[in-house]
Amino acid sequence: MLLMTLIIVAVIVIGFVMMSTEQMHHINRATVAMVCGVVAWVIYMLNANDFVPLMHAADYQAFLAGGESTADTLKYFMAEQVVMKYIGEACAVILFLIATNTIVEVMHNNGVFDALIDWLRMRSSRRFLWVISLLTFAISANVDNLTTVVLMMSIISQIVRNHHQRVIYACTILISASLGGCFTAIGDITSVMLWARGVITPSAYAAGLFLPAFASLCVFNLLIGMKLHGRVEIFSAISRFDGDDSYLSAWQKVTLLVLGIAGLWFIPSFHYITKLPPFLGSLSVLAFIWAVEGLFNLERNGNVVFVQRHYLRNTEFIGMRLILYFIGVSLGIAAFAECGALDFVGNWLETNIDNVYIYGVAVGFLSSIADNVPVMMTGMNLFQVDTLAGSTSEFVQNGIYWQLLSFCCACGGSLLFVGSMAGQAVLEVENIRFKWYIRHYLWRALVAWIVGMGVFWLTH
């Protein structure tokens, strides 16, 4: 069994390395994630008679209901009781992201964000830095990082003409989106995973992480502002699509904006009141927004010239790739956990280190060289949530560990472009050189992370 466990671990680790080095070998990370996830589970299934008694002895006996154990019953048990559990968790997160991303797309396609382009046409480079950063921070708190980055990159591409300046603001958008997304339960795929797992509640989570995230943002902006001089070179004329899908009046656009943001913030309340999974709340909000948008566009419904606006060219099929990537990673980490390797590592850490801040720093640096989604999943499965009444450990619901895990994944994933899909999007859109980013941005992001960690320690 030890040999099979090592083989599964090797498959997952190799997958981590290949996903992190996508820019070198040009193999899509979604492909790598799916192959590694499936291969790991095939190896697991072929040796289910060793792993099941170790991890699920009681549950398997209940599944047999007094019947005889065979190779087929072992495989059916794993497929129905174990694998589907992880697939269900992954699909719950995916449905949530699909719904929230579609809400933003509906607003974007109806010109809701057009006013931002006019409002952001300012000449002061430092003022523009703070405005674009705070705006990204606020939007990312409501929508996942990748969607926020794509939206904001689309906006600044219509405002800033100078490529060098646009690169600086694009990197700032990446950092701001990562920090904004980490302090709310709906702001990033990693925090949505924590919420779906039940280890955090939205209000306590936001209260614990807002100050560290905001402090890191302010420090980063101050460090970047020191190198900004002169004025922003903006386009003399606004270049935007003004076709048939921008006929909504100003009050209709404002209505969609208010309903969209209010709906996103209503999702935690929906979950608290009904106890239903968060993705059902997001789907309900999407249905309501779609109904309102349909009423506003009643005269154009079914019109063949009613076309959608397009996000940046490199994001084509990004939604489907993200879905397949997330499912593949979920399968891989699930096999990693089910073979007992993560339990072994978690027990060793508690015995020999027993310091959540060291765990957080380690997770952050791992997120800088490997994608933060699999790193986050690994960190989530290292330790079980402490459900003992009155417990004061770091692993209770809303405990320090879960908040620190999210914050360090966000900051660490921003140190290098390979740490997140949002970073990959920025790299590809603006064709940023990796060495340039290391020289000009890495140390500033690191200082901001250290300050945020200090604020986290003081407030906890």
Protein backbone atom coordinates (compact mmCIF):
# COMPACT_ATOMS: atom_id res chain seq x y z
CA MET A 1 0.00 0.00 0.00
CA LEU A 2 2.87 2.36 0.75
CA LEU A 3 4.14 1.99 -2.81
CA MET A 4 0.71 2.82 -4.26
CA THR A 5 0.42 5.83 -1.95
CA LEU A 6 3.80 7.12 -3.11
CA ILE A 7 2.78 6.65 -6.75
CA ILE A 8 -0.42 8.66 -6.21
CA VAL A 9 1.55 11.40 -4.43
CA ALA A 10 4.09 11.43 -7.27
CA VAL A 11 1.33 11.80 -9.89
CA ILE A 12 -0.20 14.77 -8.01
CA VAL A 13 3.16 16.47 -7.41
CA ILE A 14 4.16 16.10 -11.06
CA GLY A 15 0.79 17.59 -11.97
CA PHE A 16 1.43 20.55 -9.65
CA VAL A 17 4.78 21.18 -11.33
CA MET A 18 3.36 20.96 -14.85
CA MET A 19 0.44 23.26 -14.02
CA SER A 20 2.85 25.82 -12.59
CA THR A 21 5.14 25.68 -15.64
CA GLU A 22 2.41 26.02 -18.26
CA GLN A 23 4.21 29.00 -19.83
CA MET A 24 7.23 26.81 -20.53
CA HIS A 25 5.71 23.68 -22.05
CA HIS A 26 2.42 25.28 -23.28
CA ILE A 27 0.26 22.33 -22.18
CA ASN A 28 -3.05 23.65 -20.90
CA ARG A 29 -3.25 23.32 -17.11
CA ALA A 30 -6.83 22.07 -17.36
CA THR A 31 -5.56 19.11 -19.41
CA VAL A 32 -2.86 18.36 -16.84
CA ALA A 33 -5.32 18.64 -13.94
CA MET A 34 -7.85 16.28 -15.51
CA VAL A 35 -5.25 13.67 -16.52
CA CYS A 36 -3.62 13.67 -13.08
CA GLY A 37 -6.96 13.53 -11.28
CA VAL A 38 -8.23 10.59 -13.31
CA VAL A 39 -4.93 8.68 -13.18
CA ALA A 40 -4.69 9.11 -9.41
CA TRP A 41 -8.20 7.70 -8.91
CA VAL A 42 -7.61 4.79 -11.30
CA ILE A 43 -4.55 3.82 -9.25
CA TYR A 44 -6.60 4.22 -6.08
CA MET A 45 -9.46 2.06 -7.39
CA LEU A 46 -7.09 -0.73 -8.44
CA ASN A 47 -5.91 -0.87 -4.82
CA ALA A 48 -9.21 -0.09 -3.08
CA ASN A 49 -8.94 -3.23 -0.92
CA ASP A 50 -5.96 -1.61 0.85
CA PHE A 51 -7.23 1.95 1.14
CA VAL A 52 -10.90 1.43 2.08
CA PRO A 53 -10.27 -0.45 5.38
CA LEU A 54 -7.82 2.29 6.35
CA MET A 55 -9.98 5.34 5.57
CA HIS A 56 -13.62 4.16 5.57
CA ALA A 57 -13.91 0.92 7.54
CA ALA A 58 -17.14 1.78 9.41
CA ASP A 59 -18.84 3.40 6.42
CA TYR A 60 -17.97 0.45 4.20
CA GLN A 61 -19.47 -2.03 6.66
CA ALA A 62 -22.66 0.03 6.75
CA PHE A 63 -22.67 0.07 2.94
CA LEU A 64 -22.38 -3.73 2.82
CA ALA A 65 -25.33 -4.08 5.24
CA GLY A 66 -24.14 -7.54 6.22
CA GLY A 67 -23.25 -8.61 2.69
CA GLU A 68 -19.98 -10.04 1.48
CA SER A 69 -17.14 -7.74 0.47
CA THR A 70 -15.90 -8.19 -3.08
CA ALA A 71 -13.77 -6.23 -5.52
CA ASP A 72 -16.93 -4.87 -7.16
CA THR A 73 -18.53 -3.75 -3.89
CA LEU A 74 -15.33 -1.93 -2.98
CA LYS A 75 -15.37 -0.05 -6.28
CA TYR A 76 -19.08 0.73 -6.08
CA PHE A 77 -18.61 2.06 -2.55
CA MET A 78 -15.74 4.31 -3.60
CA ALA A 79 -17.57 5.55 -6.69
CA GLU A 80 -20.89 6.25 -4.97
CA GLN A 81 -19.88 7.22 -1.43
CA VAL A 82 -16.47 8.85 -1.79
CA VAL A 83 -15.75 10.13 -5.30
CA MET A 84 -19.23 11.62 -5.73
CA LYS A 85 -18.85 13.49 -2.45
CA TYR A 86 -15.84 15.38 -3.80
CA ILE A 87 -17.48 15.87 -7.19
CA GLY A 88 -20.54 17.30 -5.43
CA GLU A 89 -18.40 19.80 -3.51
CA ALA A 90 -16.61 20.85 -6.71
CA CYS A 91 -19.86 21.25 -8.65
CA ALA A 92 -21.39 23.36 -5.87
CA VAL A 93 -18.48 25.81 -6.17
CA ILE A 94 -18.62 25.74 -9.98
CA LEU A 95 -22.36 26.46 -10.08
CA PHE A 96 -21.83 29.36 -7.70
CA LEU A 97 -19.10 30.83 -9.89
CA ILE A 98 -21.10 30.33 -13.10
CA ALA A 99 -24.05 32.19 -11.61
CA THR A 100 -22.05 35.12 -10.19
CA ASN A 101 -19.96 35.48 -13.36
CA THR A 102 -23.11 35.49 -15.48
CA ILE A 103 -24.58 38.27 -13.32
CA VAL A 104 -21.53 40.41 -14.11
CA GLU A 105 -21.71 39.46 -17.78
CA VAL A 106 -25.38 40.53 -17.96
CA MET A 107 -24.47 43.92 -16.50
CA HIS A 108 -21.46 44.27 -18.79
CA ASN A 109 -23.43 43.38 -21.91
CA ASN A 110 -26.03 46.01 -21.08
CA GLY A 111 -23.48 48.79 -20.72
CA VAL A 112 -23.75 49.09 -16.94
CA PHE A 113 -20.02 49.74 -16.59
CA ASP A 114 -19.79 52.28 -19.43
CA ALA A 115 -19.97 55.18 -16.98
CA LEU A 116 -16.78 53.93 -15.34
CA ILE A 117 -14.84 54.53 -18.54
CA ASP A 118 -15.87 58.18 -18.59
CA TRP A 119 -15.33 58.63 -14.85
CA LEU A 120 -11.87 57.02 -14.88
CA ARG A 121 -10.50 59.26 -17.63
CA MET A 122 -8.24 61.25 -15.28
CA ARG A 123 -4.78 62.66 -15.82
CA SER A 124 -3.11 62.29 -12.40
CA SER A 125 -1.17 59.02 -12.44
CA ARG A 126 -1.19 58.54 -8.66
CA ARG A 127 -4.85 59.44 -8.33
CA PHE A 128 -5.68 57.02 -11.13
CA LEU A 129 -3.64 54.33 -9.33
CA TRP A 130 -5.62 54.69 -6.10
CA VAL A 131 -9.00 54.94 -7.82
CA ILE A 132 -8.45 51.90 -10.07
CA SER A 133 -7.01 49.93 -7.15
CA LEU A 134 -9.83 50.69 -4.71
CA LEU A 135 -12.44 50.07 -7.40
CA THR A 136 -10.89 46.68 -8.21
CA PHE A 137 -10.68 45.87 -4.51
CA ALA A 138 -14.40 46.61 -4.08
CA ILE A 139 -15.53 44.71 -7.19
CA SER A 140 -13.38 41.69 -6.36
CA ALA A 141 -15.03 41.46 -2.95
CA ASN A 142 -18.26 40.63 -4.79
CA VAL A 143 -17.02 38.65 -7.82
CA ASP A 144 -14.19 36.15 -8.27
CA ASN A 145 -10.70 37.43 -9.10
CA LEU A 146 -10.50 36.24 -12.69
CA THR A 147 -13.76 37.92 -13.68
CA THR A 148 -12.75 41.12 -11.90
CA VAL A 149 -9.34 41.22 -13.56
CA VAL A 150 -10.79 40.60 -17.02
CA LEU A 151 -13.41 43.32 -16.50
CA MET A 152 -10.93 45.91 -15.20
CA MET A 153 -8.37 45.09 -17.88
CA SER A 154 -11.07 45.63 -20.49
CA ILE A 155 -11.84 49.03 -18.96
CA ILE A 156 -8.25 50.33 -18.71
CA SER A 157 -7.50 49.11 -22.24
CA GLN A 158 -10.04 51.72 -23.41
CA ILE A 159 -8.52 54.48 -21.27
CA VAL A 160 -4.72 54.19 -20.99
CA ARG A 161 -2.85 54.55 -24.27
CA ASN A 162 0.76 54.18 -23.05
CA HIS A 163 1.68 50.49 -22.82
CA HIS A 164 4.21 50.92 -20.00
CA GLN A 165 1.67 52.75 -17.87
CA ARG A 166 -0.98 50.18 -18.70
CA VAL A 167 1.34 47.38 -17.53
CA ILE A 168 1.85 49.13 -14.19
CA TYR A 169 -1.88 49.52 -13.65
CA ALA A 170 -2.53 45.95 -14.82
CA CYS A 171 -0.17 44.59 -12.16
CA THR A 172 -1.88 46.80 -9.59
CA ILE A 173 -5.24 45.41 -10.67
CA LEU A 174 -3.95 41.87 -10.10
CA ILE A 175 -2.78 42.63 -6.55
CA SER A 176 -5.95 44.57 -5.71
CA ALA A 177 -8.21 41.81 -7.03
CA SER A 178 -6.36 39.17 -5.02
CA LEU A 179 -6.60 41.18 -1.79
CA GLY A 180 -10.21 42.21 -2.40
CA GLY A 181 -11.25 38.67 -3.17
CA CYS A 182 -9.69 37.13 -0.07
CA PHE A 183 -11.69 38.97 2.61
CA THR A 184 -15.23 37.96 1.60
CA ALA A 185 -16.78 34.52 1.30
CA ILE A 186 -17.93 35.25 -2.27
CA GLY A 187 -14.83 37.09 -3.47
CA ASP A 188 -12.65 34.27 -4.73
CA ILE A 189 -12.81 30.62 -5.65
CA THR A 190 -10.66 29.78 -2.61
CA SER A 191 -12.95 31.55 -0.12
CA VAL A 192 -16.02 30.05 -1.80
CA MET A 193 -14.45 26.62 -1.18
CA LEU A 194 -14.03 27.42 2.51
CA TRP A 195 -17.63 28.60 2.77
CA ALA A 196 -18.97 25.57 0.89
CA ARG A 197 -17.00 23.29 3.22
CA GLY A 198 -18.61 25.03 6.22
CA VAL A 199 -15.39 26.08 7.97
CA ILE A 200 -16.21 29.81 7.79
CA THR A 201 -19.25 32.06 8.03
CA PRO A 202 -19.38 35.16 5.78
CA SER A 203 -19.68 37.85 8.47
CA ALA A 204 -16.97 36.56 10.81
CA TYR A 205 -14.68 35.83 7.87
CA ALA A 206 -14.98 39.36 6.45
CA ALA A 207 -14.52 40.94 9.88
CA GLY A 208 -11.32 38.99 10.44
CA LEU A 209 -9.67 39.66 7.08
CA PHE A 210 -10.76 43.13 5.97
CA LEU A 211 -8.10 45.09 7.91
CA PRO A 212 -5.13 42.86 6.89
CA ALA A 213 -6.24 42.91 3.25
CA PHE A 214 -6.84 46.66 3.20
CA ALA A 215 -3.54 47.38 4.97
CA SER A 216 -1.66 45.30 2.39
CA LEU A 217 -3.43 47.16 -0.41
CA CYS A 218 -2.51 50.58 0.99
CA VAL A 219 1.14 49.63 1.51
CA PHE A 220 1.42 48.23 -2.01
CA ASN A 221 -0.15 51.36 -3.52
CA LEU A 222 2.20 53.62 -1.56
CA LEU A 223 5.22 51.68 -2.81
CA ILE A 224 3.98 51.74 -6.42
CA GLY A 225 2.99 55.42 -6.18
CA MET A 226 6.61 56.32 -5.44
CA LYS A 227 7.64 55.34 -8.97
CA LEU A 228 4.74 57.07 -10.74
CA HIS A 229 5.37 60.53 -12.17
CA GLY A 230 3.67 62.73 -14.71
CA ARG A 231 0.26 62.25 -16.20
CA VAL A 232 -1.68 59.31 -17.56
CA GLU A 233 -1.59 59.09 -21.35
CA ILE A 234 -5.22 58.48 -22.24
CA PHE A 235 -6.92 57.96 -25.57
CA SER A 236 -8.26 61.18 -27.02
CA ALA A 237 -11.54 59.47 -27.94
CA ILE A 238 -13.34 56.66 -26.16
CA SER A 239 -13.32 53.44 -28.17
CA ARG A 240 -16.22 51.31 -27.12
CA PHE A 241 -18.96 49.24 -28.68
CA ASP A 242 -22.13 51.30 -29.10
CA GLY A 243 -24.36 48.80 -30.88
CA ASP A 244 -27.86 47.64 -30.22
CA ASP A 245 -27.07 46.23 -26.77
CA SER A 246 -26.41 49.68 -25.22
CA TYR A 247 -29.92 51.09 -25.56
CA LEU A 248 -30.74 50.98 -21.87
CA SER A 249 -31.39 54.35 -20.28
CA ALA A 250 -29.25 55.64 -17.43
CA TRP A 251 -31.79 54.71 -14.73
CA GLN A 252 -32.08 51.19 -16.13
CA LYS A 253 -28.33 50.71 -16.01
CA VAL A 254 -28.20 52.02 -12.45
CA THR A 255 -31.06 49.69 -11.52
CA LEU A 256 -29.20 46.67 -12.91
CA LEU A 257 -26.03 47.72 -11.08
CA VAL A 258 -27.81 48.13 -7.75
CA LEU A 259 -29.74 44.89 -8.15
CA GLY A 260 -26.59 43.01 -9.17
CA ILE A 261 -24.51 44.15 -6.18
CA ALA A 262 -27.41 43.83 -3.74
CA GLY A 263 -28.13 40.36 -5.10
CA LEU A 264 -24.53 39.23 -4.62
CA TRP A 265 -24.58 40.41 -1.02
CA PHE A 266 -27.96 38.75 -0.49
CA ILE A 267 -26.51 35.30 -1.22
CA PRO A 268 -24.99 34.82 2.30
CA SER A 269 -28.30 35.92 3.83
CA PHE A 270 -30.14 33.42 1.63
CA HIS A 271 -27.88 30.66 2.88
CA TYR A 272 -28.25 31.77 6.53
CA ILE A 273 -32.05 31.88 6.34
CA THR A 274 -32.71 28.74 4.29
CA LYS A 275 -29.57 26.66 5.10
CA LEU A 276 -29.57 25.70 1.42
CA PRO A 277 -26.24 25.53 -0.48
CA PRO A 278 -24.87 28.96 -1.52
CA PHE A 279 -25.06 28.13 -5.23
CA LEU A 280 -28.87 27.98 -5.01
CA GLY A 281 -28.87 31.55 -3.74
CA SER A 282 -26.62 32.69 -6.59
CA LEU A 283 -28.82 30.95 -9.15
CA SER A 284 -31.91 32.63 -7.67
CA VAL A 285 -30.28 36.05 -7.90
CA LEU A 286 -29.20 35.35 -11.49
CA ALA A 287 -32.76 34.37 -12.44
CA PHE A 288 -34.09 37.60 -10.94
CA ILE A 289 -31.46 39.74 -12.71
CA TRP A 290 -32.22 38.00 -15.99
CA ALA A 291 -35.94 38.66 -15.54
CA VAL A 292 -35.34 42.38 -14.94
CA GLU A 293 -32.91 42.56 -17.88
CA GLY A 294 -35.51 40.82 -20.07
CA LEU A 295 -38.12 43.43 -19.16
CA PHE A 296 -35.70 46.26 -19.94
CA ASN A 297 -34.87 44.70 -23.32
CA LEU A 298 -38.42 43.54 -24.08
CA GLU A 299 -38.53 45.22 -27.51
CA ARG A 300 -35.24 43.63 -28.58
CA ASN A 301 -35.72 40.09 -27.27
CA GLY A 302 -35.23 37.64 -30.13
CA ASN A 303 -33.61 40.28 -32.33
CA VAL A 304 -30.75 38.73 -34.31
CA VAL A 305 -28.71 41.94 -34.07
CA PHE A 306 -28.74 41.75 -30.28
CA VAL A 307 -25.16 40.66 -29.80
CA GLN A 308 -23.01 40.35 -26.74
CA ARG A 309 -20.01 42.46 -26.00
CA HIS A 310 -16.78 40.56 -25.85
CA TYR A 311 -14.21 40.38 -23.11
CA LEU A 312 -10.51 40.39 -23.93
CA ARG A 313 -9.41 38.06 -26.71
CA ASN A 314 -7.32 35.75 -24.52
CA THR A 315 -10.26 34.87 -22.29
CA GLU A 316 -12.13 32.93 -25.00
CA PHE A 317 -13.25 29.57 -23.54
CA ILE A 318 -11.73 30.59 -20.19
CA GLY A 319 -14.97 29.68 -18.43
CA MET A 320 -15.01 26.08 -19.64
CA ARG A 321 -11.29 25.70 -19.06
CA LEU A 322 -11.68 26.96 -15.51
CA ILE A 323 -14.50 24.49 -14.86
CA LEU A 324 -12.55 21.51 -16.19
CA TYR A 325 -9.41 22.65 -14.40
CA PHE A 326 -11.24 22.94 -11.09
CA ILE A 327 -12.82 19.50 -11.44
CA GLY A 328 -9.46 17.94 -12.30
CA VAL A 329 -7.75 19.59 -9.34
CA SER A 330 -10.59 18.51 -7.03
CA LEU A 331 -10.22 14.90 -8.16
CA GLY A 332 -6.45 14.99 -7.69
CA ILE A 333 -6.53 16.49 -4.20
CA ALA A 334 -9.33 14.10 -3.24
CA ALA A 335 -7.17 11.10 -4.19
CA PHE A 336 -4.29 12.75 -2.32
CA ALA A 337 -6.44 12.94 0.81
CA GLU A 338 -8.10 9.54 0.48
CA CYS A 339 -4.83 7.62 0.28
CA GLY A 340 -3.94 8.93 3.76
CA ALA A 341 -0.98 11.10 2.67
CA LEU A 342 -2.53 14.39 3.81
CA ASP A 343 -3.51 12.92 7.19
CA PHE A 344 0.07 11.82 7.69
CA VAL A 345 1.42 15.27 6.81
CA GLY A 346 -1.17 17.03 9.00
CA ASN A 347 -0.37 14.84 12.00
CA TRP A 348 3.35 15.40 11.50
CA LEU A 349 2.86 19.18 11.35
CA GLU A 350 0.78 19.24 14.52
CA THR A 351 3.33 17.10 16.35
CA ASN A 352 6.52 18.83 15.21
CA ILE A 353 5.56 22.44 14.37
CA ASP A 354 2.09 23.28 15.73
CA ASN A 355 2.14 26.92 14.59
CA VAL A 356 -0.54 28.16 12.19
CA TYR A 357 1.50 31.22 11.19
CA ILE A 358 4.29 28.98 9.92
CA TYR A 359 1.66 26.98 8.03
CA GLY A 360 0.32 30.20 6.51
CA VAL A 361 3.74 31.44 5.36
CA ALA A 362 4.52 28.04 3.85
CA VAL A 363 1.20 27.98 2.01
CA GLY A 364 1.83 31.52 0.72
CA PHE A 365 5.21 30.67 -0.75
CA LEU A 366 3.83 27.45 -2.25
CA SER A 367 1.07 29.54 -3.85
CA SER A 368 3.69 31.76 -5.48
CA ILE A 369 5.21 28.86 -7.43
CA ALA A 370 2.14 26.62 -7.77
CA ASP A 371 -1.44 27.57 -8.56
CA ASN A 372 -3.22 28.75 -5.41
CA VAL A 373 -6.33 26.62 -6.08
CA PRO A 374 -4.66 23.20 -5.56
CA VAL A 375 -2.54 24.65 -2.75
CA MET A 376 -5.68 25.92 -1.04
CA MET A 377 -7.41 22.55 -1.44
CA THR A 378 -4.37 20.82 0.03
CA GLY A 379 -4.34 23.17 3.01
CA MET A 380 -8.07 22.66 3.57
CA ASN A 381 -7.65 18.87 3.70
CA LEU A 382 -4.59 18.83 5.94
CA PHE A 383 -6.67 19.44 9.07
CA GLN A 384 -10.27 18.70 10.02
CA VAL A 385 -12.53 21.42 11.38
CA ASP A 386 -12.72 21.22 15.17
CA THR A 387 -16.39 20.73 16.14
CA LEU A 388 -15.82 20.23 19.87
CA ALA A 389 -18.10 22.58 21.84
CA GLY A 390 -16.20 25.37 23.56
CA SER A 391 -12.95 24.57 21.77
CA THR A 392 -10.46 27.43 21.36
CA SER A 393 -8.19 25.74 18.81
CA GLU A 394 -7.18 27.41 15.55
CA PHE A 395 -9.21 24.87 13.57
CA VAL A 396 -12.73 25.61 14.82
CA GLN A 397 -15.25 27.21 12.46
CA ASN A 398 -13.95 30.75 11.70
CA GLY A 399 -10.68 29.79 13.37
CA ILE A 400 -7.41 31.57 12.69
CA TYR A 401 -6.08 28.82 10.45
CA TRP A 402 -8.84 29.05 7.84
CA GLN A 403 -8.60 32.84 7.60
CA LEU A 404 -4.81 32.78 7.48
CA LEU A 405 -4.91 30.09 4.81
CA SER A 406 -7.06 32.25 2.54
CA PHE A 407 -5.06 35.45 3.13
CA CYS A 408 -1.69 33.80 2.51
CA CYS A 409 -2.95 32.02 -0.62
CA ALA A 410 -4.12 35.38 -1.99
CA CYS A 411 -0.89 37.22 -1.19
CA GLY A 412 1.39 34.35 -2.18
CA GLY A 413 -0.48 33.79 -5.43
CA SER A 414 0.23 37.42 -6.35
CA LEU A 415 3.98 37.22 -5.84
CA LEU A 416 4.45 35.52 -9.22
CA PHE A 417 2.14 35.28 -12.22
CA VAL A 418 2.06 31.49 -12.04
CA GLY A 419 0.21 31.61 -8.73
CA SER A 420 -3.27 32.26 -10.12
CA MET A 421 -5.30 32.17 -13.33
CA ALA A 422 -5.93 35.89 -12.90
CA GLY A 423 -2.18 36.43 -13.01
CA GLN A 424 -1.94 34.34 -16.16
CA ALA A 425 -4.64 36.51 -17.75
CA VAL A 426 -2.75 39.71 -16.96
CA LEU A 427 0.51 38.22 -18.26
CA GLU A 428 -1.04 37.18 -21.57
CA VAL A 429 -3.08 40.33 -22.18
CA GLU A 430 -0.27 42.82 -21.65
CA ASN A 431 2.61 40.54 -22.67
CA ILE A 432 4.48 41.33 -19.45
CA ARG A 433 8.02 40.01 -19.13
CA PHE A 434 8.50 37.76 -16.14
CA LYS A 435 11.89 39.23 -15.21
CA TRP A 436 10.45 42.76 -15.32
CA TYR A 437 7.70 41.79 -12.90
CA ILE A 438 10.21 40.13 -10.54
CA ARG A 439 12.42 43.21 -10.51
CA HIS A 440 9.72 45.85 -10.08
CA TYR A 441 6.80 44.19 -8.31
CA LEU A 442 7.87 41.11 -6.37
CA TRP A 443 9.49 42.91 -3.44
CA ARG A 444 6.63 45.40 -3.19
CA ALA A 445 4.05 42.60 -3.06
CA LEU A 446 6.18 40.81 -0.47
CA VAL A 447 6.40 43.89 1.77
CA ALA A 448 2.63 44.37 1.49
CA TRP A 449 2.11 40.74 2.51
CA ILE A 450 4.40 41.11 5.54
CA VAL A 451 2.53 44.23 6.69
CA GLY A 452 -0.79 42.43 6.22
CA MET A 453 0.49 39.50 8.29
CA GLY A 454 1.48 41.93 11.02
CA VAL A 455 -2.00 43.46 11.04
CA PHE A 456 -3.53 39.97 11.08
CA TRP A 457 -1.44 39.01 14.10
CA LEU A 458 -2.36 42.22 15.96
CA THR A 459 -6.07 41.82 15.28
CA HIS A 460 -6.18 38.12 16.21
